Amino acid sequence: MMTRAHSLSALTEHASDARGLRRSDLRSGDVILIYTRNSIYRARCMEDGRFALSGGWFDRYYQSEFVTSITGCTWGGKCINRELVASCGMQVEFGNRVLTSVLQRIVRIPSGLLN
């Protein structure tokens, strides 16, 4: 079994190369489907930069969409990439401190395609 050590400098070096959905890619009304190892989340972008969230943890604790921010993506530690909203192989941290399991798939549906 091979163990990987992650130093702050190594994480910083790879953070700018991380692929995924960035805040700058999103427009108000866009919907993101976030498939994690354990759940599926639906995030609708709002004009103020927050998201109306459902699925996964939010469906277990709320009866309607929960509005909060997406803090960014992390590899599970304290280092977080705030520009990324979702990136496969990483975890999403929401504004209420909920952390998803590892992302498997991301689907962005532009608002213009929604009725």
N, C-alpha and C. Protein backbone atom coordinates (compact mmCIF):
# COMPACT_ATOMS: atom_id res chain seq x y z
N MET A 1 0.83 -1.18 0.00
CA MET A 1 0.00 0.00 0.00
C MET A 1 0.88 1.24 0.00
N MET A 2 0.56 2.19 -0.87
CA MET A 2 1.36 3.40 -0.99
C MET A 2 0.62 4.56 -0.33
N THR A 3 1.29 5.29 0.52
CA THR A 3 0.71 6.43 1.20
C THR A 3 1.25 7.70 0.58
N ARG A 4 0.39 8.67 0.33
CA ARG A 4 0.83 9.92 -0.24
C ARG A 4 0.86 10.99 0.84
N ALA A 5 1.94 11.71 0.90
CA ALA A 5 2.04 12.82 1.84
C ALA A 5 1.71 14.10 1.08
N HIS A 6 0.88 14.92 1.67
CA HIS A 6 0.50 16.19 1.05
C HIS A 6 1.07 17.32 1.88
N SER A 7 1.96 18.07 1.29
CA SER A 7 2.48 19.25 1.97
C SER A 7 1.69 20.46 1.47
N LEU A 8 1.75 21.53 2.22
CA LEU A 8 1.06 22.75 1.83
C LEU A 8 1.57 23.24 0.49
N SER A 9 2.86 23.18 0.27
CA SER A 9 3.41 23.65 -1.01
C SER A 9 2.93 22.78 -2.17
N ALA A 10 2.83 21.46 -1.96
CA ALA A 10 2.34 20.58 -3.03
C ALA A 10 0.87 20.85 -3.33
N LEU A 11 0.06 21.04 -2.30
CA LEU A 11 -1.35 21.35 -2.51
C LEU A 11 -1.52 22.69 -3.22
N THR A 12 -0.73 23.68 -2.84
CA THR A 12 -0.80 25.00 -3.46
C THR A 12 -0.43 24.91 -4.93
N GLU A 13 0.59 24.13 -5.23
CA GLU A 13 1.04 23.97 -6.61
C GLU A 13 -0.05 23.34 -7.48
N HIS A 14 -0.76 22.35 -6.95
CA HIS A 14 -1.78 21.65 -7.72
C HIS A 14 -3.14 22.34 -7.70
N ALA A 15 -3.36 23.26 -6.79
CA ALA A 15 -4.66 23.92 -6.67
C ALA A 15 -5.01 24.71 -7.93
N SER A 16 -4.03 25.38 -8.51
CA SER A 16 -4.32 26.18 -9.70
C SER A 16 -4.60 25.30 -10.91
N ASP A 17 -4.16 24.04 -10.88
CA ASP A 17 -4.40 23.11 -11.98
C ASP A 17 -5.67 22.29 -11.80
N ALA A 18 -6.31 22.40 -10.66
CA ALA A 18 -7.50 21.59 -10.38
C ALA A 18 -8.59 21.90 -11.41
N ARG A 19 -9.20 20.85 -11.91
CA ARG A 19 -10.26 21.00 -12.90
C ARG A 19 -11.60 20.83 -12.22
N GLY A 20 -12.55 21.56 -12.72
CA GLY A 20 -13.88 21.45 -12.17
C GLY A 20 -14.70 22.67 -12.53
N LEU A 21 -15.77 22.85 -11.84
CA LEU A 21 -16.68 23.95 -12.08
C LEU A 21 -16.29 25.14 -11.20
N ARG A 22 -15.96 26.25 -11.83
CA ARG A 22 -15.52 27.45 -11.11
C ARG A 22 -16.67 28.44 -10.98
N ARG A 23 -16.59 29.28 -9.98
CA ARG A 23 -17.63 30.30 -9.77
C ARG A 23 -17.85 31.14 -11.02
N SER A 24 -16.77 31.45 -11.71
CA SER A 24 -16.86 32.28 -12.91
C SER A 24 -17.59 31.58 -14.06
N ASP A 25 -17.77 30.26 -13.98
CA ASP A 25 -18.50 29.50 -15.00
C ASP A 25 -20.01 29.60 -14.84
N LEU A 26 -20.47 30.05 -13.69
CA LEU A 26 -21.89 29.98 -13.33
C LEU A 26 -22.62 31.31 -13.52
N ARG A 27 -23.90 31.19 -13.85
CA ARG A 27 -24.79 32.34 -13.97
C ARG A 27 -26.01 32.07 -13.10
N SER A 28 -26.69 33.15 -12.72
CA SER A 28 -27.90 33.02 -11.92
C SER A 28 -28.91 32.12 -12.63
N GLY A 29 -29.48 31.17 -11.90
CA GLY A 29 -30.47 30.25 -12.45
C GLY A 29 -29.89 28.94 -12.93
N ASP A 30 -28.57 28.87 -13.12
CA ASP A 30 -27.94 27.61 -13.49
C ASP A 30 -28.17 26.58 -12.39
N VAL A 31 -28.28 25.32 -12.78
CA VAL A 31 -28.45 24.23 -11.82
C VAL A 31 -27.25 23.29 -11.95
N ILE A 32 -26.72 22.88 -10.81
CA ILE A 32 -25.61 21.94 -10.78
C ILE A 32 -26.10 20.67 -10.09
N LEU A 33 -25.87 19.55 -10.73
CA LEU A 33 -26.13 18.26 -10.09
C LEU A 33 -24.77 17.73 -9.65
N ILE A 34 -24.64 17.46 -8.37
CA ILE A 34 -23.38 17.03 -7.77
C ILE A 34 -23.57 15.60 -7.27
N TYR A 35 -22.91 14.68 -7.95
CA TYR A 35 -22.98 13.27 -7.59
C TYR A 35 -21.76 12.94 -6.73
N THR A 36 -22.00 12.54 -5.49
CA THR A 36 -20.90 12.17 -4.60
C THR A 36 -20.91 10.66 -4.41
N ARG A 37 -19.97 10.18 -3.64
CA ARG A 37 -19.92 8.74 -3.35
C ARG A 37 -21.21 8.28 -2.65
N ASN A 38 -21.80 9.15 -1.81
CA ASN A 38 -22.94 8.74 -0.99
C ASN A 38 -24.27 9.41 -1.33
N SER A 39 -24.27 10.49 -2.09
CA SER A 39 -25.50 11.27 -2.29
C SER A 39 -25.51 11.97 -3.64
N ILE A 40 -26.67 12.54 -3.95
CA ILE A 40 -26.81 13.44 -5.09
C ILE A 40 -27.36 14.75 -4.55
N TYR A 41 -26.71 15.86 -4.91
CA TYR A 41 -27.14 17.19 -4.50
C TYR A 41 -27.57 17.97 -5.73
N ARG A 42 -28.53 18.86 -5.53
CA ARG A 42 -28.97 19.79 -6.58
C ARG A 42 -28.73 21.19 -6.03
N ALA A 43 -27.96 21.99 -6.77
CA ALA A 43 -27.66 23.36 -6.35
C ALA A 43 -28.10 24.33 -7.44
N ARG A 44 -29.02 25.23 -7.10
CA ARG A 44 -29.49 26.25 -8.04
C ARG A 44 -28.82 27.58 -7.67
N CYS A 45 -28.12 28.16 -8.64
CA CYS A 45 -27.40 29.42 -8.41
C CYS A 45 -28.38 30.57 -8.29
N MET A 46 -28.16 31.39 -7.29
CA MET A 46 -29.00 32.55 -7.08
C MET A 46 -28.22 33.82 -7.45
N GLU A 47 -28.92 34.92 -7.64
CA GLU A 47 -28.30 36.18 -8.06
C GLU A 47 -27.25 36.68 -7.08
N ASP A 48 -27.42 36.41 -5.80
CA ASP A 48 -26.51 36.95 -4.78
C ASP A 48 -25.29 36.06 -4.54
N GLY A 49 -25.11 35.03 -5.39
CA GLY A 49 -23.95 34.16 -5.24
C GLY A 49 -24.17 32.97 -4.32
N ARG A 50 -25.32 32.91 -3.67
CA ARG A 50 -25.64 31.76 -2.84
C ARG A 50 -26.33 30.70 -3.69
N PHE A 51 -26.64 29.57 -3.07
CA PHE A 51 -27.25 28.46 -3.77
C PHE A 51 -28.45 27.94 -3.00
N ALA A 52 -29.51 27.56 -3.72
CA ALA A 52 -30.65 26.86 -3.14
C ALA A 52 -30.35 25.38 -3.30
N LEU A 53 -30.15 24.69 -2.18
CA LEU A 53 -29.65 23.31 -2.18
C LEU A 53 -30.72 22.31 -1.76
N SER A 54 -30.67 21.15 -2.39
CA SER A 54 -31.51 20.02 -1.98
C SER A 54 -30.72 18.74 -2.24
N GLY A 55 -31.24 17.64 -1.72
CA GLY A 55 -30.57 16.35 -1.88
C GLY A 55 -29.63 16.07 -0.72
N GLY A 56 -29.16 14.84 -0.64
CA GLY A 56 -28.19 14.45 0.37
C GLY A 56 -28.55 14.90 1.77
N TRP A 57 -27.60 15.52 2.44
CA TRP A 57 -27.76 15.97 3.82
C TRP A 57 -28.95 16.92 3.96
N PHE A 58 -29.17 17.79 2.98
CA PHE A 58 -30.24 18.79 3.07
C PHE A 58 -31.62 18.16 3.07
N ASP A 59 -31.82 17.10 2.31
CA ASP A 59 -33.11 16.40 2.32
C ASP A 59 -33.37 15.69 3.64
N ARG A 60 -32.32 15.27 4.31
CA ARG A 60 -32.50 14.59 5.60
C ARG A 60 -32.91 15.56 6.71
N TYR A 61 -32.51 16.84 6.60
CA TYR A 61 -32.74 17.77 7.69
C TYR A 61 -33.68 18.93 7.37
N TYR A 62 -34.06 19.11 6.11
CA TYR A 62 -34.95 20.21 5.72
C TYR A 62 -36.00 19.70 4.77
N GLN A 63 -37.19 20.34 4.81
CA GLN A 63 -38.29 19.91 3.95
C GLN A 63 -38.32 20.66 2.63
N SER A 64 -37.57 21.74 2.51
CA SER A 64 -37.53 22.50 1.26
C SER A 64 -36.08 22.86 0.97
N GLU A 65 -35.87 23.57 -0.10
CA GLU A 65 -34.51 23.97 -0.45
C GLU A 65 -33.88 24.77 0.69
N PHE A 66 -32.62 24.52 0.92
CA PHE A 66 -31.86 25.23 1.95
C PHE A 66 -30.93 26.20 1.23
N VAL A 67 -30.97 27.47 1.60
CA VAL A 67 -30.16 28.48 0.93
C VAL A 67 -28.91 28.77 1.75
N THR A 68 -27.76 28.59 1.12
CA THR A 68 -26.47 28.88 1.74
C THR A 68 -25.44 29.07 0.64
N SER A 69 -24.22 29.30 1.02
CA SER A 69 -23.14 29.45 0.05
C SER A 69 -22.44 28.12 -0.16
N ILE A 70 -21.60 28.06 -1.17
CA ILE A 70 -20.65 26.97 -1.33
C ILE A 70 -19.29 27.59 -1.05
N THR A 71 -18.67 27.14 0.04
CA THR A 71 -17.39 27.71 0.46
C THR A 71 -16.30 27.38 -0.55
N GLY A 72 -16.30 26.15 -1.06
CA GLY A 72 -15.31 25.73 -2.05
C GLY A 72 -15.10 24.24 -2.01
N CYS A 73 -13.98 23.80 -2.58
CA CYS A 73 -13.65 22.38 -2.65
C CYS A 73 -12.37 22.09 -1.87
N THR A 74 -12.32 20.90 -1.30
CA THR A 74 -11.18 20.48 -0.50
C THR A 74 -10.88 19.02 -0.77
N TRP A 75 -9.67 18.63 -0.45
CA TRP A 75 -9.30 17.22 -0.52
C TRP A 75 -9.59 16.53 0.81
N GLY A 76 -10.33 17.20 1.69
CA GLY A 76 -10.72 16.62 2.96
C GLY A 76 -10.02 17.22 4.16
N GLY A 77 -9.08 18.09 3.94
CA GLY A 77 -8.36 18.73 5.04
C GLY A 77 -8.80 20.16 5.23
N LYS A 78 -7.93 20.96 5.78
CA LYS A 78 -8.24 22.36 6.06
C LYS A 78 -8.01 23.28 4.85
N CYS A 79 -7.22 22.83 3.87
CA CYS A 79 -6.96 23.64 2.67
C CYS A 79 -8.18 23.59 1.77
N ILE A 80 -8.66 24.75 1.35
CA ILE A 80 -9.86 24.81 0.52
C ILE A 80 -9.61 25.73 -0.66
N ASN A 81 -10.07 25.30 -1.84
CA ASN A 81 -9.99 26.12 -3.03
C ASN A 81 -11.33 26.83 -3.16
N ARG A 82 -11.36 28.11 -2.88
CA ARG A 82 -12.61 28.87 -2.85
C ARG A 82 -13.15 29.20 -4.24
N GLU A 83 -12.31 29.12 -5.26
CA GLU A 83 -12.77 29.40 -6.63
C GLU A 83 -13.57 28.23 -7.20
N LEU A 84 -13.25 27.01 -6.77
CA LEU A 84 -13.96 25.83 -7.27
C LEU A 84 -15.27 25.62 -6.52
N VAL A 85 -16.34 25.40 -7.27
CA VAL A 85 -17.64 25.07 -6.69
C VAL A 85 -17.80 23.55 -6.62
N ALA A 86 -17.25 22.85 -7.60
CA ALA A 86 -17.32 21.39 -7.62
C ALA A 86 -16.18 20.85 -8.48
N SER A 87 -15.54 19.80 -8.00
CA SER A 87 -14.43 19.20 -8.74
C SER A 87 -14.36 17.71 -8.38
N CYS A 88 -14.40 16.86 -9.40
CA CYS A 88 -14.35 15.41 -9.15
C CYS A 88 -13.06 15.05 -8.42
N GLY A 89 -13.20 14.14 -7.45
CA GLY A 89 -12.07 13.73 -6.64
C GLY A 89 -11.90 14.57 -5.39
N MET A 90 -12.65 15.67 -5.31
CA MET A 90 -12.59 16.55 -4.13
C MET A 90 -13.93 16.48 -3.40
N GLN A 91 -14.02 17.18 -2.29
CA GLN A 91 -15.26 17.28 -1.53
C GLN A 91 -15.73 18.73 -1.56
N VAL A 92 -17.04 18.94 -1.53
CA VAL A 92 -17.60 20.29 -1.48
C VAL A 92 -17.90 20.64 -0.04
N GLU A 93 -17.51 21.86 0.35
CA GLU A 93 -17.89 22.37 1.67
C GLU A 93 -18.92 23.47 1.46
N PHE A 94 -20.07 23.30 2.10
CA PHE A 94 -21.15 24.29 2.02
C PHE A 94 -20.98 25.34 3.12
N GLY A 95 -21.66 26.45 2.98
CA GLY A 95 -21.56 27.55 3.92
C GLY A 95 -21.98 27.20 5.34
N ASN A 96 -22.79 26.16 5.50
CA ASN A 96 -23.21 25.73 6.84
C ASN A 96 -22.27 24.68 7.41
N ARG A 97 -21.08 24.52 6.79
CA ARG A 97 -20.00 23.63 7.23
C ARG A 97 -20.22 22.15 6.91
N VAL A 98 -21.29 21.81 6.19
CA VAL A 98 -21.50 20.44 5.74
C VAL A 98 -20.47 20.14 4.67
N LEU A 99 -19.84 18.97 4.77
CA LEU A 99 -18.82 18.53 3.83
C LEU A 99 -19.32 17.26 3.15
N THR A 100 -19.33 17.25 1.83
CA THR A 100 -19.82 16.07 1.11
C THR A 100 -18.78 14.95 1.13
N SER A 101 -19.21 13.78 0.68
CA SER A 101 -18.23 12.74 0.37
C SER A 101 -17.58 13.11 -0.97
N VAL A 102 -16.65 12.32 -1.43
CA VAL A 102 -15.88 12.64 -2.63
C VAL A 102 -16.78 12.71 -3.86
N LEU A 103 -16.60 13.76 -4.67
CA LEU A 103 -17.39 13.95 -5.88
C LEU A 103 -17.00 12.95 -6.95
N GLN A 104 -18.02 12.37 -7.57
CA GLN A 104 -17.83 11.40 -8.65
C GLN A 104 -18.17 11.98 -10.01
N ARG A 105 -19.15 12.89 -10.04
CA ARG A 105 -19.65 13.43 -11.31
C ARG A 105 -20.31 14.78 -11.05
N ILE A 106 -20.19 15.68 -12.04
CA ILE A 106 -20.81 17.00 -11.95
C ILE A 106 -21.53 17.27 -13.27
N VAL A 107 -22.78 17.76 -13.19
CA VAL A 107 -23.53 18.13 -14.37
C VAL A 107 -24.01 19.57 -14.18
N ARG A 108 -23.70 20.44 -15.13
CA ARG A 108 -24.17 21.83 -15.09
C ARG A 108 -25.25 21.99 -16.14
N ILE A 109 -26.42 22.51 -15.70
CA ILE A 109 -27.54 22.77 -16.61
C ILE A 109 -27.72 24.28 -16.67
N PRO A 110 -27.36 24.90 -17.79
CA PRO A 110 -27.51 26.36 -17.90
C PRO A 110 -28.97 26.78 -17.75
N SER A 111 -29.18 27.93 -17.14
CA SER A 111 -30.55 28.40 -16.87
C SER A 111 -31.38 28.52 -18.14
N GLY A 112 -30.75 28.82 -19.27
CA GLY A 112 -31.48 28.96 -20.53
C GLY A 112 -32.11 27.67 -21.03
N LEU A 113 -31.64 26.54 -20.54
CA LEU A 113 -32.19 25.25 -20.94
C LEU A 113 -33.34 24.78 -20.05
N LEU A 114 -33.55 25.50 -18.94
CA LEU A 114 -34.60 25.12 -17.99
C LEU A 114 -35.89 25.87 -18.31
N ASN A 115 -37.02 25.23 -18.06
CA ASN A 115 -38.32 25.88 -18.27
C ASN A 115 -38.65 26.78 -17.12
